[in-house]
Protein backbone atom coordinates (compact mmCIF):
# COMPACT_ATOMS: atom_id res chain seq x y z
CA SER A 1 14.16 15.62 10.33
CA ILE A 2 12.60 15.15 6.73
CA ALA A 3 9.53 17.50 5.79
CA ARG A 4 6.44 15.80 4.31
CA ILE A 5 6.60 16.72 0.43
CA SER A 6 4.83 15.23 -2.59
CA ILE A 7 5.39 15.42 -6.38
CA LEU A 8 2.77 13.82 -8.44
CA ASN A 9 2.96 12.33 -11.76
CA ALA A 10 -0.72 13.40 -12.79
CA ASP A 11 -0.19 11.97 -16.24
CA LYS A 12 3.10 10.98 -18.54
CA ASN A 13 2.64 14.74 -19.95
CA THR A 14 2.64 17.06 -17.06
CA PHE A 15 4.63 17.17 -14.06
CA GLU A 16 3.44 19.16 -11.27
CA CYS A 17 5.71 19.85 -8.42
CA ILE A 18 3.93 20.29 -5.29
CA SER A 19 6.73 21.34 -2.70
CA THR A 20 10.32 22.40 -3.91
CA LEU A 21 11.89 21.71 -0.52
CA VAL A 22 13.87 18.37 -1.02
CA PRO A 23 16.04 16.66 2.07
CA GLN A 24 19.24 17.85 1.81
CA ASN A 25 21.77 14.57 1.96
CA MET A 26 19.57 12.58 -0.58
CA SER A 27 22.58 9.45 -0.42
CA ASN A 28 20.69 8.30 2.87
CA ILE A 29 17.29 8.18 1.53
CA THR A 30 16.34 4.66 0.73
CA THR A 31 13.73 4.66 -1.82
CA ILE A 32 10.89 2.23 -1.15
CA LYS A 33 8.74 1.03 -3.82
CA LEU A 34 4.68 0.65 -3.12
CA VAL A 35 2.21 -0.70 -5.50
CA LEU A 36 -1.56 -0.65 -4.19
CA VAL A 37 -3.95 -3.62 -5.74
CA GLY A 38 -7.02 -4.57 -5.28
CA ASP A 39 -10.40 -4.83 -6.57
CA GLY A 40 -11.68 -1.13 -8.41
CA THR A 41 -13.61 0.94 -5.91
CA VAL A 42 -12.26 0.14 -2.87
CA GLY A 43 -10.59 3.38 -2.37
CA LYS A 44 -7.00 2.67 -3.23
CA THR A 45 -6.73 6.30 -5.04
CA SER A 46 -8.61 7.69 -2.20
CA MET A 47 -6.17 6.95 0.33
CA VAL A 48 -3.00 8.01 -1.91
CA LEU A 49 -4.32 11.03 -2.51
CA VAL A 50 -5.66 11.93 1.36
CA TYR A 51 -2.28 10.90 2.25
CA THR A 52 -0.08 12.69 -0.46
CA LEU A 53 -1.85 15.94 -0.83
CA ASN A 54 -4.61 16.08 1.82
CA THR A 55 -7.44 16.05 -0.81
CA PHE A 56 -10.52 13.59 -1.23
CA PRO A 57 -11.60 13.07 -4.27
CA GLU A 58 -15.36 13.26 -4.65
CA GLU A 59 -16.28 11.52 -7.47
CA TYR A 60 -15.02 7.85 -8.28
CA ALA A 61 -12.60 7.94 -11.45
CA PRO A 62 -10.94 4.28 -12.36
CA THR A 63 -7.36 4.63 -12.29
CA VAL A 64 -5.13 3.19 -15.16
CA ALA A 65 -1.91 3.71 -13.15
CA ASP A 66 -0.49 6.51 -11.10
CA ASP A 67 3.27 7.29 -9.94
CA SER A 68 3.56 9.38 -7.21
CA SER A 69 6.35 9.94 -4.53
CA HIS A 70 6.50 10.90 -1.21
CA TYR A 71 8.92 11.74 1.56
CA ILE A 72 8.53 10.53 5.33
CA SER A 73 10.85 9.47 7.96
CA VAL A 74 10.38 6.32 9.93
CA ASP A 75 12.13 4.96 12.97
CA GLY A 76 14.96 7.99 12.17
CA LYS A 77 15.28 6.67 8.86
CA ALA A 78 14.71 9.27 5.61
CA VAL A 79 12.63 7.27 3.18
CA ARG A 80 11.43 7.97 -0.61
CA LEU A 81 7.78 6.25 -1.23
CA SER A 82 7.55 5.77 -4.86
CA ILE A 83 3.78 5.02 -4.87
CA TYR A 84 2.34 3.16 -8.08
CA ASP A 85 -1.49 2.60 -7.84
CA THR A 86 -3.33 0.47 -9.95
CA ALA A 87 -6.37 -0.28 -11.55
CA GLY A 88 -8.31 -3.69 -10.27
CA GLN A 89 -10.62 -4.06 -12.73
CA GLU A 90 -10.44 -7.29 -14.73
CA SER A 91 -10.13 -4.86 -18.36
CA TYR A 92 -6.60 -3.96 -16.79
CA ASP A 93 -5.48 -7.53 -16.05
CA ARG A 94 -3.07 -7.50 -18.74
CA LEU A 95 -1.77 -4.32 -18.32
CA ARG A 96 -1.84 -4.23 -14.32
CA PRO A 97 1.40 -6.24 -13.98
CA LEU A 98 4.08 -4.42 -15.97
CA GLY A 99 4.06 -2.08 -13.03
CA TYR A 100 4.22 -5.21 -10.50
CA LYS A 101 8.48 -5.14 -11.18
CA ASP A 102 10.92 -4.28 -8.47
CA THR A 103 8.06 -3.47 -6.01
CA ASN A 104 9.27 -3.78 -2.58
CA VAL A 105 5.85 -3.82 -0.70
CA PHE A 106 2.15 -4.33 -1.76
CA LEU A 107 -0.73 -2.73 -0.38
CA LEU A 108 -3.35 -5.42 -0.99
CA CYS A 109 -6.70 -3.57 0.00
CA TYR A 110 -10.26 -4.60 0.36
CA SER A 111 -13.29 -2.58 1.54
CA VAL A 112 -14.84 -3.26 5.08
CA ASP A 113 -18.11 -2.57 3.00
CA ASN A 114 -17.95 -4.79 0.40
CA ARG A 115 -17.40 -8.55 0.77
CA ASP A 116 -17.13 -9.28 -2.43
CA SER A 117 -13.36 -7.30 -2.41
CA TYR A 118 -12.76 -9.01 0.63
CA GLN A 119 -13.20 -12.80 -0.72
CA ASN A 120 -11.27 -11.60 -3.75
CA VAL A 121 -8.00 -11.17 -1.57
CA LYS A 122 -7.57 -14.85 -2.20
CA ALA A 123 -9.41 -15.61 -5.07
CA LYS A 124 -7.78 -13.23 -7.44
CA TRP A 125 -5.11 -11.42 -5.47
CA VAL A 126 -2.92 -13.48 -3.64
CA PRO A 127 -2.49 -15.98 -6.72
CA GLU A 128 -1.96 -12.84 -8.92
CA LEU A 129 1.10 -11.36 -6.74
CA ARG A 130 2.41 -15.19 -5.90
CA HIS A 131 2.51 -15.58 -9.82
CA PHE A 132 4.44 -12.09 -10.36
CA GLY A 133 7.22 -12.57 -7.63
CA GLY A 134 4.77 -10.97 -4.37
CA PHE A 135 5.36 -13.01 -1.06
CA SER A 136 8.83 -14.22 -1.79
CA HIS A 137 10.31 -11.03 -3.26
CA SER A 138 8.18 -8.75 -1.78
CA ARG A 139 6.66 -7.87 1.30
CA VAL A 140 2.49 -7.79 1.62
CA VAL A 141 0.63 -5.19 3.59
CA LEU A 142 -3.16 -6.43 3.87
CA VAL A 143 -5.05 -2.89 4.05
CA ALA A 144 -8.85 -2.48 5.19
CA THR A 145 -10.21 0.53 3.50
CA LYS A 146 -13.30 2.64 4.08
CA THR A 147 -13.69 2.00 7.82
CA ASP A 148 -15.91 4.99 8.18
CA THR A 149 -18.46 2.89 6.39
CA ARG A 150 -18.53 0.33 9.25
CA ASP A 151 -18.32 2.77 12.18
CA ASP A 152 -20.92 5.29 10.94
CA GLN A 153 -23.23 2.19 11.46
CA VAL A 154 -25.37 4.29 14.37
CA GLY A 155 -27.32 7.41 12.54
CA GLY A 156 -25.92 6.45 9.25
CA GLU A 157 -26.52 4.61 6.03
CA ALA A 158 -26.33 1.04 7.63
CA VAL A 159 -24.10 -1.32 5.35
CA LYS A 160 -25.08 -5.03 5.27
CA ASP A 161 -22.28 -7.38 6.42
CA PRO A 162 -19.47 -5.15 7.08
CA ILE A 163 -15.80 -6.77 7.41
CA SER A 164 -14.86 -6.86 10.88
CA THR A 165 -11.69 -6.16 12.41
CA ALA A 166 -11.40 -10.16 13.30
CA GLU A 167 -12.14 -11.18 9.71
CA GLY A 168 -9.30 -8.80 8.57
CA LYS A 169 -6.67 -10.47 10.77
CA GLN A 170 -8.04 -13.98 10.09
CA LEU A 171 -7.51 -13.05 6.50
CA ALA A 172 -4.08 -11.08 6.74
CA LYS A 173 -2.79 -14.57 8.61
CA GLU A 174 -4.16 -17.07 6.25
CA ILE A 175 -2.21 -15.32 3.37
CA ASN A 176 0.62 -15.15 5.16
CA ALA A 177 0.83 -10.81 5.27
CA ASP A 178 3.52 -8.99 6.99
CA ARG A 179 1.45 -6.26 8.21
CA PHE A 180 -2.47 -5.72 8.67
CA VAL A 181 -3.70 -1.93 8.72
CA GLU A 182 -7.40 -0.50 8.82
CA CYS A 183 -8.16 2.34 7.85
CA SER A 184 -10.54 5.48 6.61
CA ALA A 185 -9.44 8.21 3.31
CA LYS A 186 -12.60 10.13 3.82
CA LYS A 187 -12.16 10.46 7.58
CA SER A 188 -8.04 10.60 7.26
CA LYS A 189 -7.91 8.04 9.96
CA ASN A 190 -4.60 5.68 10.24
CA LEU A 191 -3.45 6.91 6.65
CA ASP A 192 0.09 7.43 7.90
CA ALA A 193 -0.16 4.08 9.82
CA VAL A 194 -0.33 2.43 6.35
CA PHE A 195 2.80 3.44 5.05
CA THR A 196 4.87 3.68 8.15
CA GLU A 197 3.74 -0.33 8.75
CA ALA A 198 4.81 -0.82 4.48
CA VAL A 199 8.41 0.90 5.33
CA ARG A 200 8.97 -1.03 8.36
CA ALA A 201 7.67 -4.54 6.65
CA HIS A 202 10.59 -3.68 4.08
CA PHE A 203 13.22 -2.90 6.30
CA HIS A 204 12.08 -5.72 8.94
CA ALA A 205 12.52 -7.95 5.91
CA LEU A 206 16.17 -6.59 4.73
CA GLN A 207 17.15 -7.44 8.29
CA ASP A 208 15.95 -11.00 8.13
CA ASP A 209 17.86 -11.37 4.69
CA GLY A 210 21.00 -9.90 6.07
CA LYS A 211 20.48 -12.62 9.53
CA LYS A 212 20.22 -15.52 6.48
CA LYS A 213 22.95 -14.45 4.86
CA LYS A 214 25.18 -14.22 7.94
CA LYS A 215 24.36 -17.18 9.32
CA GLN A 216 24.59 -19.33 5.74
CA LEU A 217 28.25 -17.64 5.46
CA SER A 218 28.90 -18.78 9.07
CA CYS A 219 27.68 -22.30 8.30
CA GLY A 220 30.17 -22.22 5.27
CA LEU A 221 33.33 -21.41 7.43
CA LEU A 222 32.91 -24.54 9.71
């Protein structure tokens, strides 16, 4: 089995090795590039930090671009996740797509406590990803973040008009996302599912491509 390890590239000048343990047979590992996109403040960075380092940031700091690596095993397959966290603010609209090259799976995020971020999935992010090869060359997993803000309605500070699970599923269907997952970084809830489903979406696409090529080859021989 593959032990979870994380190697975080905190910035371009430092390299922090969280663990020196690495899988013995690197040749059997599949590297999958994941890129997180979505409006600023939806919790993309928190999701990555909690998943890879089990650390929840108490203060918000806008991300420019962060890389991290994480080793996991999904359905018996050893995988190295190359996770690329991007800034959602408009001021980074020109810089952000530079990290899209060779992306295997986009994690398209919105927050259930922010309807603008939900609406921007279709208004901004889907057009941007399609322009840079998403949906056609990359898989897309729609991720609803901060579900704790919706779950804590009773007894906590009520969130006005939270995005329901049904609305999330409908949006995933409308944009033709490969998967839909809800999660909470603050409560460490369902984060494994986010990255596991991203890996499965990638391998499922590879299987489909293999079947198509095999079918095309068979037709060519007729």
